[in-house]
Amino acid sequence: MISFAKGVLAAKLSDAAIIEVGGLGYHVGMSANSLAALPEVGQPVQVHTHLQVREDALTLFGFVSIEEKELFERLLGVSGVGPKVALAALSSFSPEQLSNAIVAGDVTAVSRIPGVGKKTAQRIILELQGVLAQPAEAPKAAAASGAYQSAVEDLLAMGFTSAESELALKGAPQDLSETKLLQYALKRLGA
């Protein structure tokens, strides 16, 4: 697909930029934060891109940092979150601020994103919290042992999502057996 666009900034719109590349003007949807970071019109520019392919449209989205692009793509993976909401999230917060709010489980902050209510904010946190958490926070010894992975697989077999499973096992004591890890996770999940 299209990994980046490098050319001349032809125009800045309220929610997009027009980038001239090889004589073609590409309409690139962008967050307010990315648009603000672009140079003046007429200057050289390069942005990381994500191409959304739908039956009725090809839509190109652009980002000034790879972190912003990766977070956008992770947000798209959340049920009920489309590109409009993902761009609104990245317009409201920097990638670091949004990641920190999700990892902290701050429903109030995440629900301040335009178009995101409390339930969607909770879903975003539930599905992305384990993915965005710092690796140092994961129980290293338990993860290194097969017990942690086996407990995750058991939870998946019970119908929990991988995000729910990771979240339920977060903070588990490192020396627990698979059975004890499973009990710990089920208690946290209220099952």
Protein backbone atom coordinates (compact mmCIF):
# COMPACT_ATOMS: atom_id res chain seq x y z
CA MET A 1 0.00 0.00 0.00
CA ILE A 2 1.00 3.64 0.28
CA SER A 3 3.43 3.99 3.18
CA PHE A 4 4.22 7.69 2.94
CA ALA A 5 3.70 10.74 0.76
CA LYS A 6 6.60 13.05 0.01
CA GLY A 7 6.10 16.16 -2.04
CA VAL A 8 5.05 19.80 -1.77
CA LEU A 9 2.27 21.00 0.50
CA ALA A 10 -0.28 22.47 -1.91
CA ALA A 11 -3.00 23.39 0.61
CA LYS A 12 -4.11 23.04 4.22
CA LEU A 13 -7.81 22.44 4.81
CA SER A 14 -9.67 22.20 8.12
CA ASP A 15 -9.33 18.40 8.27
CA ALA A 16 -6.90 17.53 5.48
CA ALA A 17 -3.87 18.55 3.48
CA ILE A 18 -3.36 18.47 -0.26
CA ILE A 19 0.11 17.13 -1.05
CA GLU A 20 1.43 17.37 -4.59
CA VAL A 21 3.45 14.27 -5.46
CA GLY A 22 4.73 13.86 -9.00
CA GLY A 23 2.15 16.21 -10.48
CA LEU A 24 -0.81 14.64 -8.61
CA GLY A 25 -2.55 16.28 -5.66
CA TYR A 26 -3.37 13.80 -2.90
CA HIS A 27 -6.15 14.66 -0.45
CA VAL A 28 -4.79 13.41 2.89
CA GLY A 29 -7.08 13.41 5.94
CA MET A 30 -5.19 14.52 9.05
CA SER A 31 -5.69 15.32 12.72
CA ALA A 32 -5.59 18.95 13.83
CA ASN A 33 -2.29 18.26 15.63
CA SER A 34 -0.65 16.88 12.47
CA LEU A 35 -2.00 19.76 10.36
CA ALA A 36 -0.55 22.27 12.83
CA ALA A 37 2.87 20.59 12.58
CA LEU A 38 3.02 20.86 8.77
CA PRO A 39 5.21 23.52 7.14
CA GLU A 40 3.85 26.48 5.18
CA VAL A 41 2.04 25.91 1.88
CA GLY A 42 4.57 25.55 -0.95
CA GLN A 43 7.19 23.88 1.26
CA PRO A 44 8.42 20.27 0.96
CA VAL A 45 6.59 17.81 3.21
CA GLN A 46 6.58 14.11 4.02
CA VAL A 47 3.84 12.33 5.98
CA HIS A 48 3.29 8.69 6.97
CA THR A 49 0.07 7.41 5.47
CA HIS A 50 -2.69 4.87 5.99
CA LEU A 51 -4.86 3.94 3.01
CA GLN A 52 -8.40 2.88 3.84
CA VAL A 53 -9.93 0.76 1.08
CA ARG A 54 -13.71 0.48 1.01
CA GLU A 55 -16.09 -0.70 -1.66
CA ASP A 56 -17.06 2.87 -2.51
CA ALA A 57 -13.91 4.85 -1.68
CA LEU A 58 -10.14 4.95 -1.26
CA THR A 59 -9.27 7.34 1.56
CA LEU A 60 -5.75 8.41 2.47
CA PHE A 61 -4.90 9.53 6.01
CA GLY A 62 -1.61 11.21 6.95
CA PHE A 63 0.46 11.56 10.12
CA VAL A 64 3.57 13.53 11.01
CA SER A 65 4.84 10.78 13.33
CA ILE A 66 4.87 7.01 13.09
CA GLU A 67 3.52 6.88 16.69
CA GLU A 68 0.43 8.80 15.63
CA LYS A 69 -0.10 6.48 12.64
CA GLU A 70 0.25 3.35 14.79
CA LEU A 71 -2.20 4.68 17.39
CA PHE A 72 -4.67 5.61 14.61
CA GLU A 73 -4.49 2.06 13.25
CA ARG A 74 -4.98 0.57 16.72
CA LEU A 75 -8.00 2.81 17.28
CA LEU A 76 -9.48 1.58 13.99
CA GLY A 77 -9.22 -1.96 15.36
CA VAL A 78 -11.63 -1.10 18.19
CA SER A 79 -15.23 -2.08 17.48
CA GLY A 80 -17.32 1.01 16.76
CA VAL A 81 -14.36 3.32 16.08
CA GLY A 82 -13.95 4.57 12.52
CA PRO A 83 -11.48 6.98 10.95
CA LYS A 84 -13.53 10.06 11.88
CA VAL A 85 -13.45 9.20 15.60
CA ALA A 86 -9.80 8.10 15.44
CA LEU A 87 -8.81 11.45 13.88
CA ALA A 88 -10.93 13.29 16.47
CA ALA A 89 -9.05 11.42 19.20
CA LEU A 90 -5.68 12.41 17.72
CA SER A 91 -6.91 16.00 17.31
CA SER A 92 -7.91 16.12 20.98
CA PHE A 93 -4.77 14.49 22.40
CA SER A 94 -1.16 13.90 21.43
CA PRO A 95 -0.40 10.19 20.90
CA GLU A 96 1.42 10.12 24.24
CA GLN A 97 -1.44 11.80 26.14
CA LEU A 98 -4.05 9.49 24.60
CA SER A 99 -1.94 6.38 25.28
CA ASN A 100 -1.44 7.47 28.89
CA ALA A 101 -5.19 8.08 29.36
CA ILE A 102 -5.98 4.63 27.93
CA VAL A 103 -3.33 2.83 30.01
CA ALA A 104 -4.53 4.67 33.14
CA GLY A 105 -8.13 3.65 32.39
CA ASP A 106 -9.26 7.30 32.42
CA VAL A 107 -12.80 6.97 31.00
CA THR A 108 -13.52 10.66 31.65
CA ALA A 109 -10.57 11.82 29.54
CA VAL A 110 -11.21 9.37 26.70
CA SER A 111 -14.93 10.27 26.61
CA ARG A 112 -13.98 13.93 25.95
CA ILE A 113 -13.14 12.92 22.38
CA PRO A 114 -15.87 14.28 20.07
CA GLY A 115 -18.19 11.45 19.07
CA VAL A 116 -17.12 9.18 21.94
CA GLY A 117 -19.52 8.43 24.77
CA LYS A 118 -18.84 6.61 28.00
CA LYS A 119 -19.47 3.13 26.57
CA THR A 120 -17.21 3.69 23.56
CA ALA A 121 -14.53 5.14 25.86
CA GLN A 122 -14.74 2.04 28.04
CA ARG A 123 -14.46 -0.19 24.95
CA ILE A 124 -11.40 1.72 23.71
CA ILE A 125 -9.75 1.34 27.12
CA LEU A 126 -10.67 -2.33 27.45
CA GLU A 127 -9.40 -3.26 23.98
CA LEU A 128 -6.24 -1.13 23.95
CA GLN A 129 -5.11 -0.90 27.58
CA GLY A 130 -3.10 -4.13 27.52
CA VAL A 131 -1.69 -3.38 24.07
CA LEU A 132 -0.48 0.10 24.98
CA ALA A 133 0.80 -0.74 28.49
CA GLN A 134 4.53 -0.41 28.98
CA PRO A 135 6.34 -3.74 28.69
CA ALA A 136 7.88 -3.14 32.11
CA GLU A 137 4.40 -3.39 33.64
CA ALA A 138 3.83 -6.94 32.35
CA PRO A 139 4.60 -9.70 34.84
CA LYS A 140 7.98 -10.68 33.38
CA ALA A 141 8.60 -13.95 35.19
CA ALA A 142 5.05 -15.19 34.70
CA ALA A 143 5.10 -14.18 31.03
CA ALA A 144 8.45 -15.92 30.59
CA SER A 145 7.01 -19.08 32.05
CA GLY A 146 4.37 -20.99 30.15
CA ALA A 147 1.88 -20.44 32.97
CA TYR A 148 1.02 -16.87 31.93
CA GLN A 149 0.55 -17.79 28.25
CA SER A 150 -1.48 -20.86 29.18
CA ALA A 151 -3.76 -18.74 31.37
CA VAL A 152 -4.29 -16.31 28.49
CA GLU A 153 -5.15 -19.20 26.16
CA ASP A 154 -7.59 -20.60 28.75
CA LEU A 155 -9.34 -17.22 29.01
CA LEU A 156 -9.56 -16.96 25.21
CA ALA A 157 -11.11 -20.44 25.11
CA MET A 158 -13.72 -19.22 27.63
CA GLY A 159 -14.75 -16.46 25.22
CA PHE A 160 -12.85 -13.48 26.62
CA THR A 161 -11.01 -11.21 24.17
CA SER A 162 -7.23 -11.00 24.21
CA ALA A 163 -7.47 -7.44 25.59
CA GLU A 164 -9.75 -8.61 28.42
CA SER A 165 -7.42 -11.52 29.15
CA GLU A 166 -4.30 -9.32 29.27
CA LEU A 167 -6.09 -6.76 31.44
CA ALA A 168 -7.37 -9.45 33.82
CA LEU A 169 -3.84 -10.85 34.29
CA LYS A 170 -2.18 -7.44 34.65
CA GLY A 171 -0.50 -7.13 38.03
CA ALA A 172 -0.68 -10.85 38.80
CA PRO A 173 2.03 -12.11 41.18
CA GLN A 174 4.91 -13.50 39.14
CA ASP A 175 5.22 -16.89 40.81
CA LEU A 176 1.65 -18.17 40.35
CA SER A 177 0.82 -21.44 38.62
CA GLU A 178 -1.50 -21.56 35.60
CA THR A 179 -4.46 -22.51 37.80
CA LYS A 180 -3.79 -19.69 40.27
CA LEU A 181 -3.33 -17.20 37.41
CA LEU A 182 -6.66 -18.31 35.96
CA GLN A 183 -8.38 -17.90 39.32
CA TYR A 184 -6.81 -14.45 39.73
CA ALA A 185 -8.01 -13.39 36.25
CA LEU A 186 -11.55 -14.75 36.68
CA LYS A 187 -11.87 -12.96 40.02
CA ARG A 188 -10.83 -9.67 38.36
CA LEU A 189 -13.26 -10.28 35.50
CA GLY A 190 -16.07 -10.95 37.96
CA ALA A 191 -16.70 -14.41 36.49
